């Protein structure tokens, strides 16, 4: 039987971006997410940070960044482990602020 976990997780991510599944917070943060490359254990995306993901100073809200990393990281894990594994230790270092309406390219593997 062929493993279809990568295809399943890509469909789930697309549904999440469209707002068909998940919570409103995730839908707002992931609005406009574009998956540019995906393979087992690896997802590369591009995102123009939506205004809904900003803090009071017009920067990309740190909670929105963490949510994005958690969701895409979970998807990359699912593509290999064939099940969702909860993030137990999420440690992020923020070195500077990031503005909204700017395109960011990122990969998780």
Protein backbone atom coordinates (compact mmCIF):
# COMPACT_ATOMS: atom_id res chain seq x y z
CA UNK A 1 0.00 0.00 0.00
CA UNK A 2 1.42 3.37 -1.03
CA UNK A 3 1.96 5.92 1.75
CA UNK A 4 -0.16 9.01 1.17
CA UNK A 5 0.66 10.95 4.35
CA UNK A 6 2.34 13.80 2.42
CA UNK A 7 -0.70 14.21 0.17
CA UNK A 8 -3.04 14.12 3.19
CA UNK A 9 -1.10 16.78 5.06
CA UNK A 10 -0.92 19.06 1.99
CA UNK A 11 -4.70 18.83 1.60
CA UNK A 12 -5.09 19.59 5.33
CA UNK A 13 -2.84 22.65 5.03
CA UNK A 14 -4.77 23.92 2.00
CA UNK A 15 -8.05 23.45 3.90
CA UNK A 16 -6.58 25.28 6.87
CA UNK A 17 -5.52 28.23 4.69
CA UNK A 18 -9.01 28.35 3.10
CA UNK A 19 -10.67 28.29 6.53
CA UNK A 20 -12.43 24.96 5.92
CA UNK A 21 -10.83 23.36 9.00
CA UNK A 22 -9.06 24.51 12.14
CA UNK A 23 -9.55 27.52 14.34
CA UNK A 24 -10.14 31.09 13.20
CA UNK A 25 -6.79 32.17 14.66
CA UNK A 26 -4.90 29.68 12.47
CA UNK A 27 -6.95 30.64 9.42
CA UNK A 28 -6.18 34.34 9.89
CA UNK A 29 -2.47 33.78 10.45
CA UNK A 30 -2.06 31.42 7.48
CA UNK A 31 -4.09 33.53 5.04
CA UNK A 32 -2.20 33.58 1.74
CA UNK A 33 0.26 30.80 2.63
CA UNK A 34 1.76 29.24 -0.49
CA UNK A 35 3.51 25.88 -0.31
CA UNK A 36 6.36 26.09 -2.80
CA UNK A 37 7.98 22.70 -2.19
CA UNK A 38 7.06 19.65 -0.15
CA UNK A 39 8.45 16.20 0.41
CA UNK A 40 8.49 13.83 3.35
CA UNK A 41 9.82 15.70 6.36
CA UNK A 42 10.29 18.97 4.47
CA UNK A 43 7.94 21.85 3.67
CA UNK A 44 8.99 25.14 2.06
CA UNK A 45 6.47 27.99 2.06
CA UNK A 46 6.06 31.62 1.15
CA UNK A 47 3.78 34.02 2.97
CA UNK A 48 2.99 37.69 2.67
CA UNK A 49 2.20 38.44 6.29
CA UNK A 50 -1.46 39.49 6.52
CA UNK A 51 -2.46 42.58 8.47
CA UNK A 52 -4.53 40.37 10.80
CA UNK A 53 -1.27 38.91 12.10
CA UNK A 54 0.11 42.24 13.34
CA UNK A 55 0.71 43.63 16.79
CA UNK A 56 -0.14 47.21 17.85
CA UNK A 57 3.11 48.53 16.32
CA UNK A 58 2.48 47.02 12.88
CA UNK A 59 4.96 44.19 13.31
CA UNK A 60 4.33 40.50 12.76
CA UNK A 61 2.92 39.35 16.12
CA UNK A 62 5.29 36.92 17.84
CA UNK A 63 2.38 34.63 18.72
CA UNK A 64 1.41 34.49 15.04
CA UNK A 65 4.98 33.51 14.14
CA UNK A 66 4.94 30.74 16.76
CA UNK A 67 1.58 29.47 15.50
CA UNK A 68 2.86 29.36 11.94
CA UNK A 69 5.98 27.44 12.96
CA UNK A 70 3.93 25.00 15.05
CA UNK A 71 1.40 24.29 12.27
CA UNK A 72 3.94 23.87 9.46
CA UNK A 73 6.25 21.89 11.76
CA UNK A 74 3.39 19.54 12.67
CA UNK A 75 2.65 19.07 8.97
CA UNK A 76 6.28 18.19 8.23
CA UNK A 77 6.28 15.68 11.09
CA UNK A 78 3.00 14.14 9.93
CA UNK A 79 4.42 13.58 6.47
CA UNK A 80 7.03 11.26 8.03
CA UNK A 81 5.38 9.89 11.19
CA UNK A 82 1.92 9.33 9.61
CA UNK A 83 0.25 10.92 12.65
CA UNK A 84 0.14 14.29 14.36
CA UNK A 85 2.55 14.58 17.23
CA UNK A 86 1.97 17.44 19.63
CA UNK A 87 4.73 20.02 19.96
CA UNK A 88 6.05 19.55 23.45
CA UNK A 89 8.98 21.97 23.43
CA UNK A 90 8.69 24.95 21.13
CA UNK A 91 11.62 27.30 21.60
CA UNK A 92 11.89 30.33 19.31
CA UNK A 93 14.46 33.12 19.48
CA UNK A 94 13.33 36.44 18.03
CA UNK A 95 16.30 38.53 16.90
CA UNK A 96 14.37 41.47 15.45
CA UNK A 97 10.89 42.57 14.48
CA UNK A 98 9.27 41.62 11.20
CA UNK A 99 6.86 43.92 9.40
CA UNK A 100 3.52 42.86 7.98
CA UNK A 101 2.75 42.87 4.24
CA UNK A 102 6.28 41.59 3.59
CA UNK A 103 6.92 38.27 1.84
CA UNK A 104 8.75 35.70 3.95
CA UNK A 105 10.19 32.45 2.64
CA UNK A 106 10.77 29.68 5.14
CA UNK A 107 11.35 25.96 5.33
CA UNK A 108 10.80 23.42 8.05
CA UNK A 109 12.45 20.04 8.00
